[in-house]
Amino acid sequence: MTAQHEIYIHSRNGGMTIHEYDTLHEQLADADARGDEKEYDRISRLIPITADVAKAIKEVYGRDFIIASGFDVTEANMKFGEGWLDE
């Protein structure tokens, strides 16, 4: 597959390919299997969450939780607009 045909996932770092996304999930599973909570937490913050998941987290836990969590909410920003957390 050529780079121009790769599926691209938006993230705070500009984006990632499906391969990069899958690699992060593999690293996440490895950290979990080792019981390495710090590494698991670090990696989980690199994986963008979907817009609808971000919105659900905001509705349940609130705006401040989303901000403090460090979740990558790039997709939510794209879908709902940059000010969605303040609405």
PDB file of N, CA and C in Angstrom:
ATOM      1  N   MET A   1       0.857  -1.173   0.000  1.00  0.00           N
ATOM      2  CA  MET A   1       0.000   0.000   0.000  1.00  0.00           C
ATOM      3  C   MET A   1       0.906   1.240   0.000  1.00  0.00           C
ATOM      4  N   THR A   2       0.623   2.146  -0.880  1.00  0.00           N
ATOM      5  CA  THR A   2       1.422   3.368  -0.930  1.00  0.00           C
ATOM      6  C   THR A   2       0.940   4.346   0.119  1.00  0.00           C
ATOM      7  N   ALA A   3       1.802   5.266   0.496  1.00  0.00           N
ATOM      8  CA  ALA A   3       1.474   6.241   1.540  1.00  0.00           C
ATOM      9  C   ALA A   3       0.224   7.045   1.184  1.00  0.00           C
ATOM     10  N   GLN A   4       0.024   7.336  -0.074  1.00  0.00           N
ATOM     11  CA  GLN A   4      -1.133   8.131  -0.452  1.00  0.00           C
ATOM     12  C   GLN A   4      -2.445   7.376  -0.299  1.00  0.00           C
ATOM     13  N   HIS A   5      -2.378   6.055  -0.152  1.00  0.00           N
ATOM     14  CA  HIS A   5      -3.582   5.258   0.017  1.00  0.00           C
ATOM     15  C   HIS A   5      -3.791   4.774   1.444  1.00  0.00           C
ATOM     16  N   GLU A   6      -2.879   5.116   2.343  1.00  0.00           N
ATOM     17  CA  GLU A   6      -3.031   4.680   3.728  1.00  0.00           C
ATOM     18  C   GLU A   6      -4.162   5.448   4.404  1.00  0.00           C
ATOM     19  N   ILE A   7      -4.882   4.743   5.263  1.00  0.00           N
ATOM     20  CA  ILE A   7      -5.923   5.390   6.051  1.00  0.00           C
ATOM     21  C   ILE A   7      -5.236   6.190   7.144  1.00  0.00           C
ATOM     22  N   TYR A   8      -5.739   7.357   7.395  1.00  0.00           N
ATOM     23  CA  TYR A   8      -5.107   8.309   8.286  1.00  0.00           C
ATOM     24  C   TYR A   8      -6.047   8.625   9.437  1.00  0.00           C
ATOM     25  N   ILE A   9      -5.531   8.596  10.658  1.00  0.00           N
ATOM     26  CA  ILE A   9      -6.304   8.930  11.839  1.00  0.00           C
ATOM     27  C   ILE A   9      -5.783  10.260  12.369  1.00  0.00           C
ATOM     28  N   HIS A  10      -6.668  11.206  12.593  1.00  0.00           N
ATOM     29  CA  HIS A  10      -6.258  12.510  13.093  1.00  0.00           C
ATOM     30  C   HIS A  10      -5.863  12.405  14.564  1.00  0.00           C
ATOM     31  N   SER A  11      -4.799  13.105  14.934  1.00  0.00           N
ATOM     32  CA  SER A  11      -4.366  13.140  16.330  1.00  0.00           C
ATOM     33  C   SER A  11      -3.761  14.500  16.620  1.00  0.00           C
ATOM     34  N   ARG A  12      -3.487  14.744  17.910  1.00  0.00           N
ATOM     35  CA  ARG A  12      -2.933  16.052  18.282  1.00  0.00           C
ATOM     36  C   ARG A  12      -1.560  16.282  17.678  1.00  0.00           C
ATOM     37  N   ASN A  13      -0.894  15.203  17.285  1.00  0.00           N
ATOM     38  CA  ASN A  13       0.422  15.326  16.665  1.00  0.00           C
ATOM     39  C   ASN A  13       0.330  15.412  15.153  1.00  0.00           C
ATOM     40  N   GLY A  14      -0.857  15.660  14.639  1.00  0.00           N
ATOM     41  CA  GLY A  14      -1.041  15.808  13.207  1.00  0.00           C
ATOM     42  C   GLY A  14      -1.752  14.624  12.594  1.00  0.00           C
ATOM     43  N   GLY A  15      -1.527  13.461  13.127  1.00  0.00           N
ATOM     44  CA  GLY A  15      -2.209  12.287  12.618  1.00  0.00           C
ATOM     45  C   GLY A  15      -1.303  11.081  12.596  1.00  0.00           C
ATOM     46  N   MET A  16      -1.903   9.948  12.325  1.00  0.00           N
ATOM     47  CA  MET A  16      -1.146   8.706  12.259  1.00  0.00           C
ATOM     48  C   MET A  16      -1.832   7.766  11.285  1.00  0.00           C
ATOM     49  N   THR A  17      -1.058   6.836  10.774  1.00  0.00           N
ATOM     50  CA  THR A  17      -1.624   5.832   9.885  1.00  0.00           C
ATOM     51  C   THR A  17      -2.269   4.732  10.718  1.00  0.00           C
ATOM     52  N   ILE A  18      -3.046   3.901  10.077  1.00  0.00           N
ATOM     53  CA  ILE A  18      -3.645   2.757  10.759  1.00  0.00           C
ATOM     54  C   ILE A  18      -2.540   1.867  11.332  1.00  0.00           C
ATOM     55  N   HIS A  19      -1.449   1.712  10.600  1.00  0.00           N
ATOM     56  CA  HIS A  19      -0.327   0.898  11.102  1.00  0.00           C
ATOM     57  C   HIS A  19       0.223   1.479  12.409  1.00  0.00           C
ATOM     58  N   GLU A  20       0.418   2.788  12.447  1.00  0.00           N
ATOM     59  CA  GLU A  20       0.920   3.424  13.675  1.00  0.00           C
ATOM     60  C   GLU A  20      -0.085   3.257  14.816  1.00  0.00           C
ATOM     61  N   TYR A  21      -1.362   3.393  14.501  1.00  0.00           N
ATOM     62  CA  TYR A  21      -2.430   3.227  15.481  1.00  0.00           C
ATOM     63  C   TYR A  21      -2.421   1.799  16.033  1.00  0.00           C
ATOM     64  N   ASP A  22      -2.313   0.828  15.134  1.00  0.00           N
ATOM     65  CA  ASP A  22      -2.267  -0.574  15.550  1.00  0.00           C
ATOM     66  C   ASP A  22      -1.039  -0.868  16.399  1.00  0.00           C
ATOM     67  N   THR A  23       0.089  -0.272  16.037  1.00  0.00           N
ATOM     68  CA  THR A  23       1.327  -0.461  16.808  1.00  0.00           C
ATOM     69  C   THR A  23       1.157   0.052  18.227  1.00  0.00           C
ATOM     70  N   LEU A  24       0.521   1.205  18.391  1.00  0.00           N
ATOM     71  CA  LEU A  24       0.267   1.735  19.729  1.00  0.00           C
ATOM     72  C   LEU A  24      -0.628   0.785  20.528  1.00  0.00           C
ATOM     73  N   HIS A  25      -1.609   0.214  19.875  1.00  0.00           N
ATOM     74  CA  HIS A  25      -2.489  -0.734  20.575  1.00  0.00           C
ATOM     75  C   HIS A  25      -1.724  -1.989  20.990  1.00  0.00           C
ATOM     76  N   GLU A  26      -0.802  -2.439  20.161  1.00  0.00           N
ATOM     77  CA  GLU A  26       0.043  -3.588  20.524  1.00  0.00           C
ATOM     78  C   GLU A  26       0.919  -3.245  21.725  1.00  0.00           C
ATOM     79  N   GLN A  27       1.502  -2.053  21.712  1.00  0.00           N
ATOM     80  CA  GLN A  27       2.335  -1.616  22.838  1.00  0.00           C
ATOM     81  C   GLN A  27       1.497  -1.489  24.103  1.00  0.00           C
ATOM     82  N   LEU A  28       0.280  -1.042  23.951  1.00  0.00           N
ATOM     83  CA  LEU A  28      -0.640  -0.915  25.080  1.00  0.00           C
ATOM     84  C   LEU A  28      -0.937  -2.301  25.675  1.00  0.00           C
ATOM     85  N   ALA A  29      -1.208  -3.260  24.813  1.00  0.00           N
ATOM     86  CA  ALA A  29      -1.477  -4.625  25.273  1.00  0.00           C
ATOM     87  C   ALA A  29      -0.255  -5.217  25.972  1.00  0.00           C
ATOM     88  N   ASP A  30       0.934  -4.955  25.443  1.00  0.00           N
ATOM     89  CA  ASP A  30       2.170  -5.448  26.062  1.00  0.00           C
ATOM     90  C   ASP A  30       2.363  -4.845  27.451  1.00  0.00           C
ATOM     91  N   ALA A  31       2.143  -3.544  27.568  1.00  0.00           N
ATOM     92  CA  ALA A  31       2.285  -2.877  28.866  1.00  0.00           C
ATOM     93  C   ALA A  31       1.285  -3.441  29.868  1.00  0.00           C
ATOM     94  N   ASP A  32       0.082  -3.704  29.400  1.00  0.00           N
ATOM     95  CA  ASP A  32      -0.949  -4.274  30.264  1.00  0.00           C
ATOM     96  C   ASP A  32      -0.547  -5.679  30.719  1.00  0.00           C
ATOM     97  N   ALA A  33      -0.044  -6.480  29.805  1.00  0.00           N
ATOM     98  CA  ALA A  33       0.372  -7.844  30.133  1.00  0.00           C
ATOM     99  C   ALA A  33       1.520  -7.855  31.147  1.00  0.00           C
ATOM    100  N   ARG A  34       2.387  -6.858  31.066  1.00  0.00           N
ATOM    101  CA  ARG A  34       3.515  -6.745  32.010  1.00  0.00           C
ATOM    102  C   ARG A  34       3.093  -6.112  33.332  1.00  0.00           C
ATOM    103  N   GLY A  35       1.911  -5.528  33.363  1.00  0.00           N
ATOM    104  CA  GLY A  35       1.458  -4.827  34.559  1.00  0.00           C
ATOM    105  C   GLY A  35       2.137  -3.488  34.754  1.00  0.00           C
ATOM    106  N   ASP A  36       2.636  -2.916  33.659  1.00  0.00           N
ATOM    107  CA  ASP A  36       3.342  -1.633  33.709  1.00  0.00           C
ATOM    108  C   ASP A  36       2.327  -0.499  33.575  1.00  0.00           C
ATOM    109  N   GLU A  37       1.783  -0.062  34.702  1.00  0.00           N
ATOM    110  CA  GLU A  37       0.714   0.940  34.692  1.00  0.00           C
ATOM    111  C   GLU A  37       1.172   2.289  34.140  1.00  0.00           C
ATOM    112  N   LYS A  38       2.408   2.694  34.463  1.00  0.00           N
ATOM    113  CA  LYS A  38       2.908   3.989  33.960  1.00  0.00           C
ATOM    114  C   LYS A  38       2.994   3.981  32.431  1.00  0.00           C
ATOM    115  N   GLU A  39       3.541   2.909  31.879  1.00  0.00           N
ATOM    116  CA  GLU A  39       3.677   2.818  30.425  1.00  0.00           C
ATOM    117  C   GLU A  39       2.297   2.697  29.774  1.00  0.00           C
ATOM    118  N   TYR A  40       1.412   1.951  30.385  1.00  0.00           N
ATOM    119  CA  TYR A  40       0.042   1.819  29.872  1.00  0.00           C
ATOM    120  C   TYR A  40      -0.631   3.187  29.819  1.00  0.00           C
ATOM    121  N   ASP A  41      -0.506   3.949  30.888  1.00  0.00           N
ATOM    122  CA  ASP A  41      -1.104   5.277  30.945  1.00  0.00           C
ATOM    123  C   ASP A  41      -0.485   6.198  29.895  1.00  0.00           C
ATOM    124  N   ARG A  42       0.832   6.155  29.765  1.00  0.00           N
ATOM    125  CA  ARG A  42       1.525   6.999  28.783  1.00  0.00           C
ATOM    126  C   ARG A  42       1.059   6.693  27.362  1.00  0.00           C
ATOM    127  N   ILE A  43       1.007   5.431  27.020  1.00  0.00           N
ATOM    128  CA  ILE A  43       0.614   5.038  25.667  1.00  0.00           C
ATOM    129  C   ILE A  43      -0.859   5.358  25.412  1.00  0.00           C
ATOM    130  N   SER A  44      -1.692   5.126  26.404  1.00  0.00           N
ATOM    131  CA  SER A  44      -3.125   5.364  26.205  1.00  0.00           C
ATOM    132  C   SER A  44      -3.417   6.821  25.880  1.00  0.00           C
ATOM    133  N   ARG A  45      -2.597   7.732  26.339  1.00  0.00           N
ATOM    134  CA  ARG A  45      -2.793   9.158  26.054  1.00  0.00           C
ATOM    135  C   ARG A  45      -2.388   9.518  24.622  1.00  0.00           C
ATOM    136  N   LEU A  46      -1.652   8.632  23.962  1.00  0.00           N
ATOM    137  CA  LEU A  46      -1.217   8.880  22.588  1.00  0.00           C
ATOM    138  C   LEU A  46      -2.260   8.454  21.562  1.00  0.00           C
ATOM    139  N   ILE A  47      -3.197   7.624  21.989  1.00  0.00           N
ATOM    140  CA  ILE A  47      -4.199   7.081  21.075  1.00  0.00           C
ATOM    141  C   ILE A  47      -5.416   8.005  21.058  1.00  0.00           C
ATOM    142  N   PRO A  48      -5.742   8.560  19.898  1.00  0.00           N
ATOM    143  CA  PRO A  48      -6.899   9.454  19.829  1.00  0.00           C
ATOM    144  C   PRO A  48      -8.188   8.696  20.137  1.00  0.00           C
ATOM    145  N   ILE A  49      -9.063   9.331  20.893  1.00  0.00           N
ATOM    146  CA  ILE A  49     -10.370   8.727  21.142  1.00  0.00           C
ATOM    147  C   ILE A  49     -11.360   9.314  20.148  1.00  0.00           C
ATOM    148  N   THR A  50     -12.402   8.564  19.847  1.00  0.00           N
ATOM    149  CA  THR A  50     -13.374   9.040  18.865  1.00  0.00           C
ATOM    150  C   THR A  50     -14.155  10.225  19.438  1.00  0.00           C
ATOM    151  N   ALA A  51     -14.734  10.983  18.547  1.00  0.00           N
ATOM    152  CA  ALA A  51     -15.501  12.161  18.951  1.00  0.00           C
ATOM    153  C   ALA A  51     -16.658  11.780  19.867  1.00  0.00           C
ATOM    154  N   ASP A  52     -17.347  10.711  19.529  1.00  0.00           N
ATOM    155  CA  ASP A  52     -18.509  10.324  20.338  1.00  0.00           C
ATOM    156  C   ASP A  52     -18.101   9.813  21.719  1.00  0.00           C
ATOM    157  N   VAL A  53     -16.973   9.129  21.809  1.00  0.00           N
ATOM    158  CA  VAL A  53     -16.476   8.683  23.110  1.00  0.00           C
ATOM    159  C   VAL A  53     -16.076   9.895  23.949  1.00  0.00           C
ATOM    160  N   ALA A  54     -15.400  10.845  23.330  1.00  0.00           N
ATOM    161  CA  ALA A  54     -15.003  12.060  24.051  1.00  0.00           C
ATOM    162  C   ALA A  54     -16.223  12.798  24.587  1.00  0.00           C
ATOM    163  N   LYS A  55     -17.260  12.894  23.760  1.00  0.00           N
ATOM    164  CA  LYS A  55     -18.486  13.580  24.185  1.00  0.00           C
ATOM    165  C   LYS A  55     -19.146  12.837  25.349  1.00  0.00           C
ATOM    166  N   ALA A  56     -19.166  11.504  25.281  1.00  0.00           N
ATOM    167  CA  ALA A  56     -19.757  10.713  26.360  1.00  0.00           C
ATOM    168  C   ALA A  56     -18.965  10.872  27.658  1.00  0.00           C
ATOM    169  N   ILE A  57     -17.652  10.883  27.555  1.00  0.00           N
ATOM    170  CA  ILE A  57     -16.814  11.077  28.752  1.00  0.00           C
ATOM    171  C   ILE A  57     -17.099  12.446  29.353  1.00  0.00           C
ATOM    172  N   LYS A  58     -17.216  13.460  28.509  1.00  0.00           N
ATOM    173  CA  LYS A  58     -17.521  14.812  29.003  1.00  0.00           C
ATOM    174  C   LYS A  58     -18.862  14.830  29.724  1.00  0.00           C
ATOM    175  N   GLU A  59     -19.869  14.168  29.146  1.00  0.00           N
ATOM    176  CA  GLU A  59     -21.205  14.169  29.746  1.00  0.00           C
ATOM    177  C   GLU A  59     -21.213  13.461  31.101  1.00  0.00           C
ATOM    178  N   VAL A  60     -20.415  12.415  31.237  1.00  0.00           N
ATOM    179  CA  VAL A  60     -20.403  11.642  32.488  1.00  0.00           C
ATOM    180  C   VAL A  60     -19.486  12.272  33.531  1.00  0.00           C
ATOM    181  N   TYR A  61     -18.275  12.664  33.110  1.00  0.00           N
ATOM    182  CA  TYR A  61     -17.262  13.117  34.065  1.00  0.00           C
ATOM    183  C   TYR A  61     -17.002  14.622  34.056  1.00  0.00           C
ATOM    184  N   GLY A  62     -17.421  15.296  32.991  1.00  0.00           N
ATOM    185  CA  GLY A  62     -17.257  16.741  32.921  1.00  0.00           C
ATOM    186  C   GLY A  62     -16.034  17.208  32.144  1.00  0.00           C
ATOM    187  N   ARG A  63     -16.084  18.481  31.817  1.00  0.00           N
ATOM    188  CA  ARG A  63     -15.056  19.159  31.039  1.00  0.00           C
ATOM    189  C   ARG A  63     -13.678  19.058  31.678  1.00  0.00           C
ATOM    190  N   ASP A  64     -13.596  19.336  32.978  1.00  0.00           N
ATOM    191  CA  ASP A  64     -12.298  19.359  33.654  1.00  0.00           C
ATOM    192  C   ASP A  64     -11.625  17.993  33.640  1.00  0.00           C
ATOM    193  N   PHE A  65     -12.427  16.931  33.723  1.00  0.00           N
ATOM    194  CA  PHE A  65     -11.867  15.583  33.664  1.00  0.00           C
ATOM    195  C   PHE A  65     -11.201  15.332  32.325  1.00  0.00           C
ATOM    196  N   ILE A  66     -11.870  15.726  31.244  1.00  0.00           N
ATOM    197  CA  ILE A  66     -11.306  15.549  29.895  1.00  0.00           C
ATOM    198  C   ILE A  66      -9.974  16.290  29.792  1.00  0.00           C
ATOM    199  N   ILE A  67      -9.939  17.516  30.249  1.00  0.00           N
ATOM    200  CA  ILE A  67      -8.720  18.321  30.152  1.00  0.00           C
ATOM    201  C   ILE A  67      -7.601  17.703  30.987  1.00  0.00           C
ATOM    202  N   ALA A  68      -7.910  17.336  32.223  1.00  0.00           N
ATOM    203  CA  ALA A  68      -6.900  16.773  33.124  1.00  0.00           C
ATOM    204  C   ALA A  68      -6.409  15.407  32.666  1.00  0.00           C
ATOM    205  N   SER A  69      -7.253  14.683  31.950  1.00  0.00           N
ATOM    206  CA  SER A  69      -6.910  13.320  31.540  1.00  0.00           C
ATOM    207  C   SER A  69      -5.787  13.271  30.525  1.00  0.00           C
ATOM    208  N   GLY A  70      -5.700  14.304  29.710  1.00  0.00           N
ATOM    209  CA  GLY A  70      -4.704  14.293  28.645  1.00  0.00           C
ATOM    210  C   GLY A  70      -5.137  13.499  27.426  1.00  0.00           C
ATOM    211  N   PHE A  71      -6.414  13.098  27.376  1.00  0.00           N
ATOM    212  CA  PHE A  71      -6.914  12.370  26.211  1.00  0.00           C
ATOM    213  C   PHE A  71      -6.703  13.194  24.946  1.00  0.00           C
ATOM    214  N   ASP A  72      -6.439  12.492  23.854  1.00  0.00           N
ATOM    215  CA  ASP A  72      -6.311  13.139  22.552  1.00  0.00           C
ATOM    216  C   ASP A  72      -7.717  13.272  21.975  1.00  0.00           C
ATOM    217  N   VAL A  73      -8.259  14.483  21.989  1.00  0.00           N
ATOM    218  CA  VAL A  73      -9.632  14.731  21.543  1.00  0.00           C
ATOM    219  C   VAL A  73      -9.670  15.462  20.196  1.00  0.00           C
ATOM    220  N   THR A  74      -8.657  15.257  19.390  1.00  0.00           N
ATOM    221  CA  THR A  74      -8.574  15.911  18.090  1.00  0.00           C
ATOM    222  C   THR A  74      -9.805  15.637  17.241  1.00  0.00           C
ATOM    223  N   GLU A  75     -10.253  14.386  17.220  1.00  0.00           N
ATOM    224  CA  GLU A  75     -11.417  14.046  16.390  1.00  0.00           C
ATOM    225  C   GLU A  75     -12.668  14.769  16.887  1.00  0.00           C
ATOM    226  N   ALA A  76     -12.823  14.914  18.204  1.00  0.00           N
ATOM    227  CA  ALA A  76     -13.964  15.654  18.750  1.00  0.00           C
ATOM    228  C   ALA A  76     -13.866  17.125  18.369  1.00  0.00           C
ATOM    229  N   ASN A  77     -12.680  17.688  18.413  1.00  0.00           N
ATOM    230  CA  ASN A  77     -12.496  19.086  18.013  1.00  0.00           C
ATOM    231  C   ASN A  77     -12.892  19.281  16.554  1.00  0.00           C
ATOM    232  N   MET A  78     -12.555  18.304  15.725  1.00  0.00           N
ATOM    233  CA  MET A  78     -12.881  18.401  14.305  1.00  0.00           C
ATOM    234  C   MET A  78     -14.391  18.258  14.079  1.00  0.00           C
ATOM    235  N   LYS A  79     -15.032  17.354  14.822  1.00  0.00           N
ATOM    236  CA  LYS A  79     -16.461  17.094  14.625  1.00  0.00           C
ATOM    237  C   LYS A  79     -17.345  18.152  15.263  1.00  0.00           C
ATOM    238  N   PHE A  80     -17.000  18.573  16.487  1.00  0.00           N
ATOM    239  CA  PHE A  80     -17.869  19.478  17.239  1.00  0.00           C
ATOM    240  C   PHE A  80     -17.390  20.921  17.260  1.00  0.00           C
ATOM    241  N   GLY A  81     -16.177  21.181  16.794  1.00  0.00           N
ATOM    242  CA  GLY A  81     -15.596  22.517  16.840  1.00  0.00           C
ATOM    243  C   GLY A  81     -14.707  22.682  18.048  1.00  0.00           C
ATOM    244  N   GLU A  82     -13.776  23.591  17.972  1.00  0.00           N
ATOM    245  CA  GLU A  82     -12.777  23.780  19.027  1.00  0.00           C
ATOM    246  C   GLU A  82     -13.383  24.108  20.397  1.00  0.00           C
ATOM    247  N   GLY A  83     -14.544  24.721  20.454  1.00  0.00           N
ATOM    248  CA  GLY A  83     -15.129  25.133  21.722  1.00  0.00           C
ATOM    249  C   GLY A  83     -16.093  24.133  22.341  1.00  0.00           C
ATOM    250  N   TRP A  84     -16.147  22.918  21.833  1.00  0.00           N
ATOM    251  CA  TRP A  84     -17.139  21.950  22.306  1.00  0.00           C
ATOM    252  C   TRP A  84     -17.030  21.640  23.788  1.00  0.00           C
ATOM    253  N   LEU A  85     -15.848  21.693  24.333  1.00  0.00           N
ATOM    254  CA  LEU A  85     -15.686  21.401  25.779  1.00  0.00           C
ATOM    255  C   LEU A  85     -16.346  22.469  26.645  1.00  0.00           C
ATOM    256  N   ASP A  86     -16.445  23.677  26.150  1.00  0.00           N
ATOM    257  CA  ASP A  86     -17.002  24.774  26.938  1.00  0.00           C
ATOM    258  C   ASP A  86     -18.514  24.933  26.761  1.00  0.00           C
ATOM    259  N   GLU A  87     -19.099  24.124  25.906  1.00  0.00           N
ATOM    260  CA  GLU A  87     -20.562  24.246  25.668  1.00  0.00           C
ATOM    261  C   GLU A  87     -21.337  23.489  26.711  1.00  0.00           C
TER     262      GLU A  87
END
